[in-house]
């Protein structure tokens, strides 16, 4: 059986932490942010942790490195 290949489009968008959690950037940060409240702007600067359901699908697309 051939080696599992990493899905590069997804790998550039998400980061897998040391504990196995998956984080991603929030959407809607590029422009038209001046009309939003400060609370919304601060929330957009933080990374978002994805749910366990998404984590299972992401782990199949991004295989773990063997040490």
PDB file of N, CA and C in Angstrom:
ATOM      1  N   UNK A   1       0.847  -1.182   0.000  1.00  0.00           N
ATOM      2  CA  UNK A   1       0.000   0.000   0.000  1.00  0.00           C
ATOM      3  C   UNK A   1       0.887   1.239   0.000  1.00  0.00           C
ATOM      4  N   UNK A   2       0.528   2.233  -0.806  1.00  0.00           N
ATOM      5  CA  UNK A   2       1.345   3.441  -0.900  1.00  0.00           C
ATOM      6  C   UNK A   2       1.149   4.332   0.329  1.00  0.00           C
ATOM      7  N   UNK A   3       2.063   5.279   0.474  1.00  0.00           N
ATOM      8  CA  UNK A   3       2.011   6.179   1.612  1.00  0.00           C
ATOM      9  C   UNK A   3       0.838   7.143   1.493  1.00  0.00           C
ATOM     10  N   UNK A   4       0.310   7.530   2.637  1.00  0.00           N
ATOM     11  CA  UNK A   4      -0.784   8.496   2.680  1.00  0.00           C
ATOM     12  C   UNK A   4      -0.229   9.890   2.399  1.00  0.00           C
ATOM     13  N   UNK A   5      -0.845  10.625   1.478  1.00  0.00           N
ATOM     14  CA  UNK A   5      -0.365  11.957   1.135  1.00  0.00           C
ATOM     15  C   UNK A   5      -1.125  13.014   1.932  1.00  0.00           C
ATOM     16  N   UNK A   6      -0.427  14.078   2.292  1.00  0.00           N
ATOM     17  CA  UNK A   6      -1.023  15.179   3.024  1.00  0.00           C
ATOM     18  C   UNK A   6      -1.829  16.050   2.073  1.00  0.00           C
ATOM     19  N   UNK A   7      -3.010  16.461   2.497  1.00  0.00           N
ATOM     20  CA  UNK A   7      -3.837  17.382   1.724  1.00  0.00           C
ATOM     21  C   UNK A   7      -3.302  18.796   1.974  1.00  0.00           C
ATOM     22  N   UNK A   8      -2.521  19.323   1.010  1.00  0.00           N
ATOM     23  CA  UNK A   8      -1.768  20.555   1.214  1.00  0.00           C
ATOM     24  C   UNK A   8      -2.660  21.782   1.382  1.00  0.00           C
ATOM     25  N   UNK A   9      -3.819  21.822   0.720  1.00  0.00           N
ATOM     26  CA  UNK A   9      -4.714  22.970   0.876  1.00  0.00           C
ATOM     27  C   UNK A   9      -5.222  23.069   2.308  1.00  0.00           C
ATOM     28  N   UNK A  10      -5.544  21.939   2.898  1.00  0.00           N
ATOM     29  CA  UNK A  10      -6.014  21.927   4.277  1.00  0.00           C
ATOM     30  C   UNK A  10      -4.864  22.161   5.245  1.00  0.00           C
ATOM     31  N   UNK A  11      -3.698  21.612   4.951  1.00  0.00           N
ATOM     32  CA  UNK A  11      -2.546  21.757   5.841  1.00  0.00           C
ATOM     33  C   UNK A  11      -2.116  23.214   5.976  1.00  0.00           C
ATOM     34  N   UNK A  12      -2.345  24.025   4.929  1.00  0.00           N
ATOM     35  CA  UNK A  12      -1.978  25.433   5.007  1.00  0.00           C
ATOM     36  C   UNK A  12      -2.991  26.240   5.806  1.00  0.00           C
ATOM     37  N   UNK A  13      -4.192  25.714   5.996  1.00  0.00           N
ATOM     38  CA  UNK A  13      -5.246  26.455   6.684  1.00  0.00           C
ATOM     39  C   UNK A  13      -5.401  26.099   8.153  1.00  0.00           C
ATOM     40  N   UNK A  14      -4.970  24.934   8.556  1.00  0.00           N
ATOM     41  CA  UNK A  14      -5.148  24.501   9.941  1.00  0.00           C
ATOM     42  C   UNK A  14      -3.806  24.146  10.560  1.00  0.00           C
ATOM     43  N   UNK A  15      -3.787  24.148  11.904  1.00  0.00           N
ATOM     44  CA  UNK A  15      -2.600  23.745  12.641  1.00  0.00           C
ATOM     45  C   UNK A  15      -3.034  22.741  13.696  1.00  0.00           C
ATOM     46  N   UNK A  16      -2.296  21.657  13.803  1.00  0.00           N
ATOM     47  CA  UNK A  16      -2.593  20.644  14.809  1.00  0.00           C
ATOM     48  C   UNK A  16      -1.646  20.874  15.979  1.00  0.00           C
ATOM     49  N   UNK A  17      -2.202  21.085  17.165  1.00  0.00           N
ATOM     50  CA  UNK A  17      -1.394  21.367  18.346  1.00  0.00           C
ATOM     51  C   UNK A  17      -0.776  20.080  18.881  1.00  0.00           C
ATOM     52  N   UNK A  18       0.063  20.217  19.870  1.00  0.00           N
ATOM     53  CA  UNK A  18       0.725  19.056  20.459  1.00  0.00           C
ATOM     54  C   UNK A  18      -0.231  18.098  21.124  1.00  0.00           C
ATOM     55  N   UNK A  19      -1.349  18.604  21.637  1.00  0.00           N
ATOM     56  CA  UNK A  19      -2.326  17.738  22.292  1.00  0.00           C
ATOM     57  C   UNK A  19      -3.327  17.137  21.311  1.00  0.00           C
ATOM     58  N   UNK A  20      -3.251  17.532  20.021  1.00  0.00           N
ATOM     59  CA  UNK A  20      -4.131  16.965  19.015  1.00  0.00           C
ATOM     60  C   UNK A  20      -5.301  17.835  18.635  1.00  0.00           C
ATOM     61  N   UNK A  21      -5.414  19.027  19.242  1.00  0.00           N
ATOM     62  CA  UNK A  21      -6.488  19.935  18.869  1.00  0.00           C
ATOM     63  C   UNK A  21      -6.171  20.568  17.519  1.00  0.00           C
ATOM     64  N   UNK A  22      -7.226  20.987  16.799  1.00  0.00           N
ATOM     65  CA  UNK A  22      -7.065  21.603  15.483  1.00  0.00           C
ATOM     66  C   UNK A  22      -7.504  23.053  15.593  1.00  0.00           C
ATOM     67  N   UNK A  23      -6.621  23.995  15.204  1.00  0.00           N
ATOM     68  CA  UNK A  23      -6.953  25.415  15.242  1.00  0.00           C
ATOM     69  C   UNK A  23      -6.916  25.983  13.840  1.00  0.00           C
ATOM     70  N   UNK A  24      -7.706  27.024  13.615  1.00  0.00           N
ATOM     71  CA  UNK A  24      -7.732  27.705  12.313  1.00  0.00           C
ATOM     72  C   UNK A  24      -7.985  29.180  12.540  1.00  0.00           C
ATOM     73  N   UNK A  25      -7.685  29.995  11.503  1.00  0.00           N
ATOM     74  CA  UNK A  25      -7.938  31.419  11.565  1.00  0.00           C
ATOM     75  C   UNK A  25      -9.424  31.672  11.349  1.00  0.00           C
ATOM     76  N   UNK A  26      -9.936  32.727  11.951  1.00  0.00           N
ATOM     77  CA  UNK A  26     -11.340  33.079  11.734  1.00  0.00           C
ATOM     78  C   UNK A  26     -11.521  33.768  10.390  1.00  0.00           C
ATOM     79  N   UNK A  27     -12.686  33.636   9.825  1.00  0.00           N
ATOM     80  CA  UNK A  27     -12.971  34.241   8.527  1.00  0.00           C
ATOM     81  C   UNK A  27     -13.356  35.708   8.688  1.00  0.00           C
ATOM     82  N   UNK A  28     -13.240  36.465   7.599  1.00  0.00           N
ATOM     83  CA  UNK A  28     -13.729  37.838   7.561  1.00  0.00           C
ATOM     84  C   UNK A  28     -12.813  38.851   8.190  1.00  0.00           C
ATOM     85  N   UNK A  29     -11.504  38.725   8.038  1.00  0.00           N
ATOM     86  CA  UNK A  29     -10.564  39.658   8.653  1.00  0.00           C
ATOM     87  C   UNK A  29      -9.938  40.613   7.654  1.00  0.00           C
ATOM     88  N   UNK A  30     -10.145  40.424   6.365  1.00  0.00           N
ATOM     89  CA  UNK A  30      -9.376  41.149   5.369  1.00  0.00           C
ATOM     90  C   UNK A  30      -9.766  42.616   5.237  1.00  0.00           C
ATOM     91  N   UNK A  31     -11.041  42.909   5.044  1.00  0.00           N
ATOM     92  CA  UNK A  31     -11.445  44.301   4.849  1.00  0.00           C
ATOM     93  C   UNK A  31     -12.871  44.489   5.327  1.00  0.00           C
ATOM     94  N   UNK A  32     -13.341  45.728   5.321  1.00  0.00           N
ATOM     95  CA  UNK A  32     -14.655  46.136   5.832  1.00  0.00           C
ATOM     96  C   UNK A  32     -14.784  45.853   7.320  1.00  0.00           C
ATOM     97  N   UNK A  33     -13.735  46.092   8.081  1.00  0.00           N
ATOM     98  CA  UNK A  33     -13.778  45.834   9.516  1.00  0.00           C
ATOM     99  C   UNK A  33     -13.978  47.102  10.332  1.00  0.00           C
ATOM    100  N   UNK A  34     -13.966  48.270   9.685  1.00  0.00           N
ATOM    101  CA  UNK A  34     -14.053  49.514  10.449  1.00  0.00           C
ATOM    102  C   UNK A  34     -15.435  49.707  11.064  1.00  0.00           C
ATOM    103  N   UNK A  35     -16.460  49.154  10.467  1.00  0.00           N
ATOM    104  CA  UNK A  35     -17.809  49.320  10.991  1.00  0.00           C
ATOM    105  C   UNK A  35     -18.156  48.378  12.113  1.00  0.00           C
ATOM    106  N   UNK A  36     -17.284  47.453  12.422  1.00  0.00           N
ATOM    107  CA  UNK A  36     -17.588  46.471  13.460  1.00  0.00           C
ATOM    108  C   UNK A  36     -17.168  46.982  14.829  1.00  0.00           C
ATOM    109  N   UNK A  37     -17.756  46.413  15.843  1.00  0.00           N
ATOM    110  CA  UNK A  37     -17.411  46.807  17.205  1.00  0.00           C
ATOM    111  C   UNK A  37     -16.044  46.254  17.577  1.00  0.00           C
ATOM    112  N   UNK A  38     -15.467  46.806  18.625  1.00  0.00           N
ATOM    113  CA  UNK A  38     -14.166  46.334  19.082  1.00  0.00           C
ATOM    114  C   UNK A  38     -14.205  44.902  19.566  1.00  0.00           C
ATOM    115  N   UNK A  39     -15.343  44.521  20.143  1.00  0.00           N
ATOM    116  CA  UNK A  39     -15.495  43.156  20.637  1.00  0.00           C
ATOM    117  C   UNK A  39     -15.385  42.147  19.493  1.00  0.00           C
ATOM    118  N   UNK A  40     -16.015  42.459  18.364  1.00  0.00           N
ATOM    119  CA  UNK A  40     -15.973  41.572  17.205  1.00  0.00           C
ATOM    120  C   UNK A  40     -14.559  41.530  16.634  1.00  0.00           C
ATOM    121  N   UNK A  41     -13.906  42.685  16.572  1.00  0.00           N
ATOM    122  CA  UNK A  41     -12.542  42.747  16.040  1.00  0.00           C
ATOM    123  C   UNK A  41     -11.565  41.937  16.859  1.00  0.00           C
ATOM    124  N   UNK A  42     -11.698  42.013  18.180  1.00  0.00           N
ATOM    125  CA  UNK A  42     -10.811  41.226  19.058  1.00  0.00           C
ATOM    126  C   UNK A  42     -11.084  39.737  18.898  1.00  0.00           C
ATOM    127  N   UNK A  43     -12.351  39.375  18.733  1.00  0.00           N
ATOM    128  CA  UNK A  43     -12.703  37.966  18.580  1.00  0.00           C
ATOM    129  C   UNK A  43     -12.131  37.397  17.289  1.00  0.00           C
ATOM    130  N   UNK A  44     -12.093  38.212  16.232  1.00  0.00           N
ATOM    131  CA  UNK A  44     -11.563  37.752  14.951  1.00  0.00           C
ATOM    132  C   UNK A  44     -10.060  37.532  14.986  1.00  0.00           C
ATOM    133  N   UNK A  45      -9.364  38.196  15.889  1.00  0.00           N
ATOM    134  CA  UNK A  45      -7.906  38.046  15.958  1.00  0.00           C
ATOM    135  C   UNK A  45      -7.487  36.724  16.590  1.00  0.00           C
ATOM    136  N   UNK A  46      -8.389  36.112  17.364  1.00  0.00           N
ATOM    137  CA  UNK A  46      -8.062  34.847  18.019  1.00  0.00           C
ATOM    138  C   UNK A  46      -8.288  33.679  17.067  1.00  0.00           C
ATOM    139  N   UNK A  47      -7.508  32.630  17.261  1.00  0.00           N
ATOM    140  CA  UNK A  47      -7.709  31.415  16.482  1.00  0.00           C
ATOM    141  C   UNK A  47      -8.891  30.638  17.035  1.00  0.00           C
ATOM    142  N   UNK A  48      -9.523  29.864  16.183  1.00  0.00           N
ATOM    143  CA  UNK A  48     -10.692  29.086  16.572  1.00  0.00           C
ATOM    144  C   UNK A  48     -10.312  27.621  16.658  1.00  0.00           C
ATOM    145  N   UNK A  49     -10.742  26.948  17.723  1.00  0.00           N
ATOM    146  CA  UNK A  49     -10.541  25.515  17.875  1.00  0.00           C
ATOM    147  C   UNK A  49     -11.712  24.792  17.231  1.00  0.00           C
ATOM    148  N   UNK A  50     -11.409  23.826  16.392  1.00  0.00           N
ATOM    149  CA  UNK A  50     -12.461  23.130  15.668  1.00  0.00           C
ATOM    150  C   UNK A  50     -13.032  21.982  16.498  1.00  0.00           C
ATOM    151  N   UNK A  51     -14.239  21.547  16.151  1.00  0.00           N
ATOM    152  CA  UNK A  51     -14.939  20.531  16.920  1.00  0.00           C
ATOM    153  C   UNK A  51     -14.324  19.150  16.707  1.00  0.00           C
ATOM    154  N   UNK A  52     -14.720  18.216  17.552  1.00  0.00           N
ATOM    155  CA  UNK A  52     -14.192  16.850  17.462  1.00  0.00           C
ATOM    156  C   UNK A  52     -14.617  16.167  16.160  1.00  0.00           C
ATOM    157  N   UNK A  53     -15.798  16.504  15.661  1.00  0.00           N
ATOM    158  CA  UNK A  53     -16.273  15.924  14.412  1.00  0.00           C
ATOM    159  C   UNK A  53     -15.374  16.329  13.259  1.00  0.00           C
ATOM    160  N   UNK A  54     -15.040  17.606  13.197  1.00  0.00           N
ATOM    161  CA  UNK A  54     -14.140  18.076  12.155  1.00  0.00           C
ATOM    162  C   UNK A  54     -12.731  17.521  12.365  1.00  0.00           C
ATOM    163  N   UNK A  55     -12.338  17.361  13.610  1.00  0.00           N
ATOM    164  CA  UNK A  55     -10.999  16.862  13.928  1.00  0.00           C
ATOM    165  C   UNK A  55     -10.772  15.467  13.345  1.00  0.00           C
ATOM    166  N   UNK A  56     -11.791  14.619  13.384  1.00  0.00           N
ATOM    167  CA  UNK A  56     -11.660  13.267  12.829  1.00  0.00           C
ATOM    168  C   UNK A  56     -11.421  13.310  11.328  1.00  0.00           C
ATOM    169  N   UNK A  57     -12.158  14.168  10.623  1.00  0.00           N
ATOM    170  CA  UNK A  57     -12.012  14.277   9.175  1.00  0.00           C
ATOM    171  C   UNK A  57     -10.655  14.860   8.811  1.00  0.00           C
ATOM    172  N   UNK A  58     -10.192  15.836   9.591  1.00  0.00           N
ATOM    173  CA  UNK A  58      -8.906  16.480   9.317  1.00  0.00           C
ATOM    174  C   UNK A  58      -7.754  15.507   9.556  1.00  0.00           C
ATOM    175  N   UNK A  59      -7.868  14.677  10.564  1.00  0.00           N
ATOM    176  CA  UNK A  59      -6.799  13.717  10.844  1.00  0.00           C
ATOM    177  C   UNK A  59      -6.633  12.694   9.731  1.00  0.00           C
ATOM    178  N   UNK A  60      -7.689  12.426   8.966  1.00  0.00           N
ATOM    179  CA  UNK A  60      -7.535  11.511   7.832  1.00  0.00           C
ATOM    180  C   UNK A  60      -6.842  12.204   6.663  1.00  0.00           C
ATOM    181  N   UNK A  61      -7.049  13.518   6.516  1.00  0.00           N
ATOM    182  CA  UNK A  61      -6.435  14.254   5.412  1.00  0.00           C
ATOM    183  C   UNK A  61      -5.001  14.681   5.704  1.00  0.00           C
ATOM    184  N   UNK A  62      -4.672  14.838   6.988  1.00  0.00           N
ATOM    185  CA  UNK A  62      -3.312  15.210   7.373  1.00  0.00           C
ATOM    186  C   UNK A  62      -2.766  14.096   8.262  1.00  0.00           C
ATOM    187  N   UNK A  63      -2.050  13.148   7.687  1.00  0.00           N
ATOM    188  CA  UNK A  63      -1.538  12.044   8.502  1.00  0.00           C
ATOM    189  C   UNK A  63      -0.450  12.530   9.457  1.00  0.00           C
ATOM    190  N   UNK A  64      -0.378  11.861  10.594  1.00  0.00           N
ATOM    191  CA  UNK A  64       0.644  12.226  11.587  1.00  0.00           C
ATOM    192  C   UNK A  64       1.990  11.674  11.194  1.00  0.00           C
ATOM    193  N   UNK A  65       3.040  12.395  11.572  1.00  0.00           N
ATOM    194  CA  UNK A  65       4.395  11.949  11.292  1.00  0.00           C
ATOM    195  C   UNK A  65       4.801  10.893  12.306  1.00  0.00           C
ATOM    196  N   UNK A  66       5.434   9.858  11.846  1.00  0.00           N
ATOM    197  CA  UNK A  66       5.934   8.811  12.742  1.00  0.00           C
ATOM    198  C   UNK A  66       7.283   9.238  13.285  1.00  0.00           C
ATOM    199  N   UNK A  67       7.496   9.039  14.586  1.00  0.00           N
ATOM    200  CA  UNK A  67       8.778   9.418  15.190  1.00  0.00           C
ATOM    201  C   UNK A  67       9.599   8.216  15.525  1.00  0.00           C
TER     202      UNK A  67
END
